[in-house]
PDB file of all heavy atoms in Angstrom:
ATOM      1  N   THR A   1       7.242  13.111  75.340  1.00  0.00           N
ATOM      2  CA  THR A   1       6.924  13.264  76.765  1.00  0.00           C
ATOM      3  C   THR A   1       6.016  14.468  76.977  1.00  0.00           C
ATOM      4  O   THR A   1       5.024  14.402  77.722  1.00  0.00           O
ATOM      5  CB  THR A   1       8.216  13.433  77.587  1.00  0.00           C
ATOM      6  OG1 THR A   1       9.051  12.287  77.384  1.00  0.00           O
ATOM      7  CG2 THR A   1       7.897  13.570  79.065  1.00  0.00           C
ATOM      8  N   GLY A   2       6.346  15.574  76.303  1.00  0.00           N
ATOM      9  CA  GLY A   2       5.515  16.776  76.423  1.00  0.00           C
ATOM     10  C   GLY A   2       4.115  16.577  75.890  1.00  0.00           C
ATOM     11  O   GLY A   2       3.149  17.150  76.422  1.00  0.00           O
ATOM     12  N   GLU A   3       3.970  15.767  74.854  1.00  0.00           N
ATOM     13  CA  GLU A   3       2.656  15.489  74.275  1.00  0.00           C
ATOM     14  C   GLU A   3       1.954  14.323  74.963  1.00  0.00           C
ATOM     15  O   GLU A   3       0.867  13.919  74.556  1.00  0.00           O
ATOM     16  CB  GLU A   3       2.812  15.199  72.775  1.00  0.00           C
ATOM     17  CG  GLU A   3       3.289  16.408  71.985  1.00  0.00           C
ATOM     18  CD  GLU A   3       3.514  16.087  70.515  1.00  0.00           C
ATOM     19  OE1 GLU A   3       3.492  14.882  70.163  1.00  0.00           O
ATOM     20  OE2 GLU A   3       3.687  17.024  69.720  1.00  0.00           O
ATOM     21  N   ARG A   4       2.613  13.761  75.983  1.00  0.00           N
ATOM     22  CA  ARG A   4       2.073  12.652  76.760  1.00  0.00           C
ATOM     23  C   ARG A   4       1.773  11.422  75.890  1.00  0.00           C
ATOM     24  O   ARG A   4       0.795  10.696  76.142  1.00  0.00           O
ATOM     25  CB  ARG A   4       0.821  13.097  77.522  1.00  0.00           C
ATOM     26  CG  ARG A   4       1.107  14.238  78.511  1.00  0.00           C
ATOM     27  CD  ARG A   4      -0.124  14.652  79.262  1.00  0.00           C
ATOM     28  NE  ARG A   4       0.183  15.771  80.166  1.00  0.00           N
ATOM     29  CZ  ARG A   4      -0.721  16.380  80.928  1.00  0.00           C
ATOM     30  NH1 ARG A   4      -1.989  15.974  80.911  1.00  0.00           N
ATOM     31  NH2 ARG A   4      -0.363  17.381  81.714  1.00  0.00           N
ATOM     32  N   GLU A   5       2.636  11.209  74.896  1.00  0.00           N
ATOM     33  CA  GLU A   5       2.508  10.023  74.045  1.00  0.00           C
ATOM     34  C   GLU A   5       3.255   8.867  74.707  1.00  0.00           C
ATOM     35  O   GLU A   5       4.277   8.389  74.200  1.00  0.00           O
ATOM     36  CB  GLU A   5       3.070  10.318  72.654  1.00  0.00           C
ATOM     37  CG  GLU A   5       2.298  11.363  71.880  1.00  0.00           C
ATOM     38  CD  GLU A   5       1.007  10.804  71.299  1.00  0.00           C
ATOM     39  OE1 GLU A   5       0.839   9.556  71.286  1.00  0.00           O
ATOM     40  OE2 GLU A   5       0.168  11.607  70.860  1.00  0.00           O
ATOM     41  N   THR A   6       2.764   8.449  75.851  1.00  0.00           N
ATOM     42  CA  THR A   6       3.492   7.461  76.647  1.00  0.00           C
ATOM     43  C   THR A   6       3.670   6.119  75.941  1.00  0.00           C
ATOM     44  O   THR A   6       4.635   5.405  76.200  1.00  0.00           O
ATOM     45  CB  THR A   6       2.776   7.237  77.992  1.00  0.00           C
ATOM     46  OG1 THR A   6       1.400   6.895  77.744  1.00  0.00           O
ATOM     47  CG2 THR A   6       2.818   8.499  78.843  1.00  0.00           C
ATOM     48  N   MET A   7       2.776   5.778  75.045  1.00  0.00           N
ATOM     49  CA  MET A   7       2.867   4.501  74.336  1.00  0.00           C
ATOM     50  C   MET A   7       4.033   4.464  73.355  1.00  0.00           C
ATOM     51  O   MET A   7       4.478   3.398  72.946  1.00  0.00           O
ATOM     52  CB  MET A   7       1.559   4.220  73.592  1.00  0.00           C
ATOM     53  CG  MET A   7       0.359   3.974  74.505  1.00  0.00           C
ATOM     54  SD  MET A   7       0.551   2.467  75.495  1.00  0.00           S
ATOM     55  CE  MET A   7       0.487   1.226  74.212  1.00  0.00           C
ATOM     56  N   HIS A   8       4.537   5.651  72.971  1.00  0.00           N
ATOM     57  CA  HIS A   8       5.602   5.722  71.976  1.00  0.00           C
ATOM     58  C   HIS A   8       6.956   6.096  72.564  1.00  0.00           C
ATOM     59  O   HIS A   8       7.923   6.263  71.828  1.00  0.00           O
ATOM     60  CB  HIS A   8       5.218   6.733  70.880  1.00  0.00           C
ATOM     61  CG  HIS A   8       3.954   6.383  70.149  1.00  0.00           C
ATOM     62  ND1 HIS A   8       2.743   6.956  70.463  1.00  0.00           N
ATOM     63  CD2 HIS A   8       3.714   5.502  69.147  1.00  0.00           C
ATOM     64  CE1 HIS A   8       1.810   6.467  69.681  1.00  0.00           C
ATOM     65  NE2 HIS A   8       2.358   5.574  68.876  1.00  0.00           N
ATOM     66  N   LEU A   9       7.022   6.238  73.881  1.00  0.00           N
ATOM     67  CA  LEU A   9       8.273   6.665  74.507  1.00  0.00           C
ATOM     68  C   LEU A   9       9.333   5.574  74.509  1.00  0.00           C
ATOM     69  O   LEU A   9      10.537   5.879  74.512  1.00  0.00           O
ATOM     70  CB  LEU A   9       8.023   7.087  75.960  1.00  0.00           C
ATOM     71  CG  LEU A   9       7.231   8.371  76.192  1.00  0.00           C
ATOM     72  CD1 LEU A   9       7.020   8.579  77.674  1.00  0.00           C
ATOM     73  CD2 LEU A   9       7.959   9.558  75.578  1.00  0.00           C
ATOM     74  N   TRP A  10       8.925   4.324  74.489  1.00  0.00           N
ATOM     75  CA  TRP A  10       9.864   3.231  74.721  1.00  0.00           C
ATOM     76  C   TRP A  10      10.926   3.124  73.635  1.00  0.00           C
ATOM     77  O   TRP A  10      12.080   2.802  73.921  1.00  0.00           O
ATOM     78  CB  TRP A  10       9.119   1.901  74.853  1.00  0.00           C
ATOM     79  CG  TRP A  10       8.561   1.403  73.564  1.00  0.00           C
ATOM     80  CD1 TRP A  10       7.365   1.713  73.004  1.00  0.00           C
ATOM     81  CD2 TRP A  10       9.214   0.509  72.655  1.00  0.00           C
ATOM     82  NE1 TRP A  10       7.208   1.085  71.805  1.00  0.00           N
ATOM     83  CE2 TRP A  10       8.331   0.330  71.565  1.00  0.00           C
ATOM     84  CE3 TRP A  10      10.439  -0.151  72.655  1.00  0.00           C
ATOM     85  CZ2 TRP A  10       8.647  -0.484  70.475  1.00  0.00           C
ATOM     86  CZ3 TRP A  10      10.761  -0.960  71.568  1.00  0.00           C
ATOM     87  CH2 TRP A  10       9.877  -1.129  70.504  1.00  0.00           C
ATOM     88  N   LEU A  11      10.558   3.412  72.357  1.00  0.00           N
ATOM     89  CA  LEU A  11      11.514   3.202  71.270  1.00  0.00           C
ATOM     90  C   LEU A  11      12.687   4.182  71.313  1.00  0.00           C
ATOM     91  O   LEU A  11      13.845   3.746  71.312  1.00  0.00           O
ATOM     92  CB  LEU A  11      10.801   3.255  69.923  1.00  0.00           C
ATOM     93  CG  LEU A  11      11.655   2.919  68.690  1.00  0.00           C
ATOM     94  CD1 LEU A  11      12.383   1.593  68.866  1.00  0.00           C
ATOM     95  CD2 LEU A  11      10.788   2.894  67.430  1.00  0.00           C
ATOM     96  N   PRO A  12      12.456   5.521  71.364  1.00  0.00           N
ATOM     97  CA  PRO A  12      13.622   6.418  71.481  1.00  0.00           C
ATOM     98  C   PRO A  12      14.408   6.186  72.765  1.00  0.00           C
ATOM     99  O   PRO A  12      15.634   6.286  72.770  1.00  0.00           O
ATOM    100  CB  PRO A  12      13.010   7.827  71.425  1.00  0.00           C
ATOM    101  CG  PRO A  12      11.578   7.656  71.758  1.00  0.00           C
ATOM    102  CD  PRO A  12      11.202   6.294  71.258  1.00  0.00           C
ATOM    103  N   LEU A  13      13.689   5.854  73.851  1.00  0.00           N
ATOM    104  CA  LEU A  13      14.378   5.600  75.119  1.00  0.00           C
ATOM    105  C   LEU A  13      15.264   4.369  75.015  1.00  0.00           C
ATOM    106  O   LEU A  13      16.413   4.361  75.503  1.00  0.00           O
ATOM    107  CB  LEU A  13      13.340   5.422  76.227  1.00  0.00           C
ATOM    108  CG  LEU A  13      13.847   5.416  77.666  1.00  0.00           C
ATOM    109  CD1 LEU A  13      14.564   6.724  77.987  1.00  0.00           C
ATOM    110  CD2 LEU A  13      12.685   5.198  78.624  1.00  0.00           C
ATOM    111  N   ALA A  14      14.768   3.316  74.349  1.00  0.00           N
ATOM    112  CA  ALA A  14      15.557   2.094  74.185  1.00  0.00           C
ATOM    113  C   ALA A  14      16.752   2.323  73.262  1.00  0.00           C
ATOM    114  O   ALA A  14      17.832   1.756  73.480  1.00  0.00           O
ATOM    115  CB  ALA A  14      14.671   0.978  73.633  1.00  0.00           C
ATOM    116  N   LEU A  15      16.578   3.150  72.248  1.00  0.00           N
ATOM    117  CA  LEU A  15      17.698   3.458  71.345  1.00  0.00           C
ATOM    118  C   LEU A  15      18.793   4.227  72.085  1.00  0.00           C
ATOM    119  O   LEU A  15      19.984   3.948  71.913  1.00  0.00           O
ATOM    120  CB  LEU A  15      17.204   4.267  70.146  1.00  0.00           C
ATOM    121  CG  LEU A  15      16.375   3.500  69.114  1.00  0.00           C
ATOM    122  CD1 LEU A  15      15.682   4.460  68.153  1.00  0.00           C
ATOM    123  CD2 LEU A  15      17.253   2.514  68.330  1.00  0.00           C
ATOM    124  N   ILE A  16      18.393   5.193  72.895  1.00  0.00           N
ATOM    125  CA  ILE A  16      19.366   5.958  73.688  1.00  0.00           C
ATOM    126  C   ILE A  16      20.095   5.029  74.659  1.00  0.00           C
ATOM    127  O   ILE A  16      21.320   5.094  74.805  1.00  0.00           O
ATOM    128  CB  ILE A  16      18.665   7.104  74.439  1.00  0.00           C
ATOM    129  CG1 ILE A  16      18.117   8.128  73.448  1.00  0.00           C
ATOM    130  CG2 ILE A  16      19.629   7.776  75.421  1.00  0.00           C
ATOM    131  CD1 ILE A  16      17.137   9.117  74.064  1.00  0.00           C
ATOM    132  N   GLY A  17      19.332   4.150  75.312  1.00  0.00           N
ATOM    133  CA  GLY A  17      19.943   3.193  76.226  1.00  0.00           C
ATOM    134  C   GLY A  17      20.896   2.240  75.528  1.00  0.00           C
ATOM    135  O   GLY A  17      21.964   1.911  76.058  1.00  0.00           O
ATOM    136  N   SER A  18      20.524   1.803  74.326  1.00  0.00           N
ATOM    137  CA  SER A  18      21.389   0.896  73.555  1.00  0.00           C
ATOM    138  C   SER A  18      22.687   1.587  73.165  1.00  0.00           C
ATOM    139  O   SER A  18      23.771   0.991  73.243  1.00  0.00           O
ATOM    140  CB  SER A  18      20.650   0.416  72.297  1.00  0.00           C
ATOM    141  OG  SER A  18      19.497  -0.328  72.628  1.00  0.00           O
ATOM    142  N   PHE A  19      22.580   2.843  72.742  1.00  0.00           N
ATOM    143  CA  PHE A  19      23.780   3.601  72.371  1.00  0.00           C
ATOM    144  C   PHE A  19      24.695   3.768  73.584  1.00  0.00           C
ATOM    145  O   PHE A  19      25.915   3.598  73.482  1.00  0.00           O
ATOM    146  CB  PHE A  19      23.370   4.964  71.819  1.00  0.00           C
ATOM    147  CG  PHE A  19      24.511   5.782  71.289  1.00  0.00           C
ATOM    148  CD1 PHE A  19      24.867   5.723  69.951  1.00  0.00           C
ATOM    149  CD2 PHE A  19      25.230   6.632  72.120  1.00  0.00           C
ATOM    150  CE1 PHE A  19      25.918   6.482  69.452  1.00  0.00           C
ATOM    151  CE2 PHE A  19      26.282   7.392  71.645  1.00  0.00           C
ATOM    152  CZ  PHE A  19      26.625   7.311  70.299  1.00  0.00           C
ATOM    153  N   LEU A  20      24.092   4.105  74.726  1.00  0.00           N
ATOM    154  CA  LEU A  20      24.882   4.269  75.952  1.00  0.00           C
ATOM    155  C   LEU A  20      25.570   2.954  76.326  1.00  0.00           C
ATOM    156  O   LEU A  20      26.753   2.950  76.692  1.00  0.00           O
ATOM    157  CB  LEU A  20      23.980   4.737  77.091  1.00  0.00           C
ATOM    158  CG  LEU A  20      24.632   4.877  78.467  1.00  0.00           C
ATOM    159  CD1 LEU A  20      25.772   5.890  78.430  1.00  0.00           C
ATOM    160  CD2 LEU A  20      23.588   5.269  79.520  1.00  0.00           C
ATOM    161  N   PHE A  21      24.838   1.851  76.229  1.00  0.00           N
ATOM    162  CA  PHE A  21      25.427   0.546  76.513  1.00  0.00           C
ATOM    163  C   PHE A  21      26.598   0.270  75.564  1.00  0.00           C
ATOM    164  O   PHE A  21      27.651  -0.232  75.988  1.00  0.00           O
ATOM    165  CB  PHE A  21      24.369  -0.548  76.371  1.00  0.00           C
ATOM    166  CG  PHE A  21      24.933  -1.943  76.506  1.00  0.00           C
ATOM    167  CD1 PHE A  21      25.323  -2.435  77.746  1.00  0.00           C
ATOM    168  CD2 PHE A  21      25.088  -2.750  75.388  1.00  0.00           C
ATOM    169  CE1 PHE A  21      25.852  -3.714  77.871  1.00  0.00           C
ATOM    170  CE2 PHE A  21      25.621  -4.030  75.506  1.00  0.00           C
ATOM    171  CZ  PHE A  21      26.002  -4.516  76.752  1.00  0.00           C
ATOM    172  N   GLY A  22      26.431   0.606  74.278  1.00  0.00           N
ATOM    173  CA  GLY A  22      27.510   0.412  73.315  1.00  0.00           C
ATOM    174  C   GLY A  22      28.725   1.258  73.636  1.00  0.00           C
ATOM    175  O   GLY A  22      29.868   0.801  73.508  1.00  0.00           O
ATOM    176  N   ALA A  23      28.494   2.506  74.073  1.00  0.00           N
ATOM    177  CA  ALA A  23      29.608   3.382  74.450  1.00  0.00           C
ATOM    178  C   ALA A  23      30.377   2.804  75.633  1.00  0.00           C
ATOM    179  O   ALA A  23      31.619   2.821  75.657  1.00  0.00           O
ATOM    180  CB  ALA A  23      29.079   4.769  74.788  1.00  0.00           C
ATOM    181  N   ILE A  24      29.634   2.277  76.613  1.00  0.00           N
ATOM    182  CA  ILE A  24      30.285   1.651  77.764  1.00  0.00           C
ATOM    183  C   ILE A  24      31.041   0.402  77.334  1.00  0.00           C
ATOM    184  O   ILE A  24      32.193   0.187  77.734  1.00  0.00           O
ATOM    185  CB  ILE A  24      29.238   1.304  78.849  1.00  0.00           C
ATOM    186  CG1 ILE A  24      28.607   2.585  79.401  1.00  0.00           C
ATOM    187  CG2 ILE A  24      29.866   0.489  79.982  1.00  0.00           C
ATOM    188  CD1 ILE A  24      27.395   2.337  80.277  1.00  0.00           C
ATOM    189  N   LEU A  25      30.396  -0.422  76.496  1.00  0.00           N
ATOM    190  CA  LEU A  25      31.023  -1.656  76.027  1.00  0.00           C
ATOM    191  C   LEU A  25      32.300  -1.376  75.240  1.00  0.00           C
ATOM    192  O   LEU A  25      33.353  -1.976  75.507  1.00  0.00           O
ATOM    193  CB  LEU A  25      30.034  -2.430  75.166  1.00  0.00           C
ATOM    194  CG  LEU A  25      30.549  -3.716  74.509  1.00  0.00           C
ATOM    195  CD1 LEU A  25      30.941  -4.738  75.567  1.00  0.00           C
ATOM    196  CD2 LEU A  25      29.500  -4.281  73.558  1.00  0.00           C
ATOM    197  N   GLY A  26      32.215  -0.459  74.275  1.00  0.00           N
ATOM    198  CA  GLY A  26      33.393  -0.128  73.473  1.00  0.00           C
ATOM    199  C   GLY A  26      34.521   0.432  74.314  1.00  0.00           C
ATOM    200  O   GLY A  26      35.691   0.088  74.115  1.00  0.00           O
ATOM    201  N   SER A  27      34.173   1.298  75.264  1.00  0.00           N
ATOM    202  CA  SER A  27      35.194   1.895  76.127  1.00  0.00           C
ATOM    203  C   SER A  27      35.826   0.851  77.039  1.00  0.00           C
ATOM    204  O   SER A  27      37.043   0.868  77.267  1.00  0.00           O
ATOM    205  CB  SER A  27      34.581   3.020  76.959  1.00  0.00           C
ATOM    206  OG  SER A  27      34.080   4.045  76.126  1.00  0.00           O
TER     207      SER A  27
END
């Protein structure tokens, strides 16, 4: 984000979202 690499932001963001979804699902 700081380097304005907007084309590459989606992958770490999607991984974080997937982990959060898994935490909600497991709980």
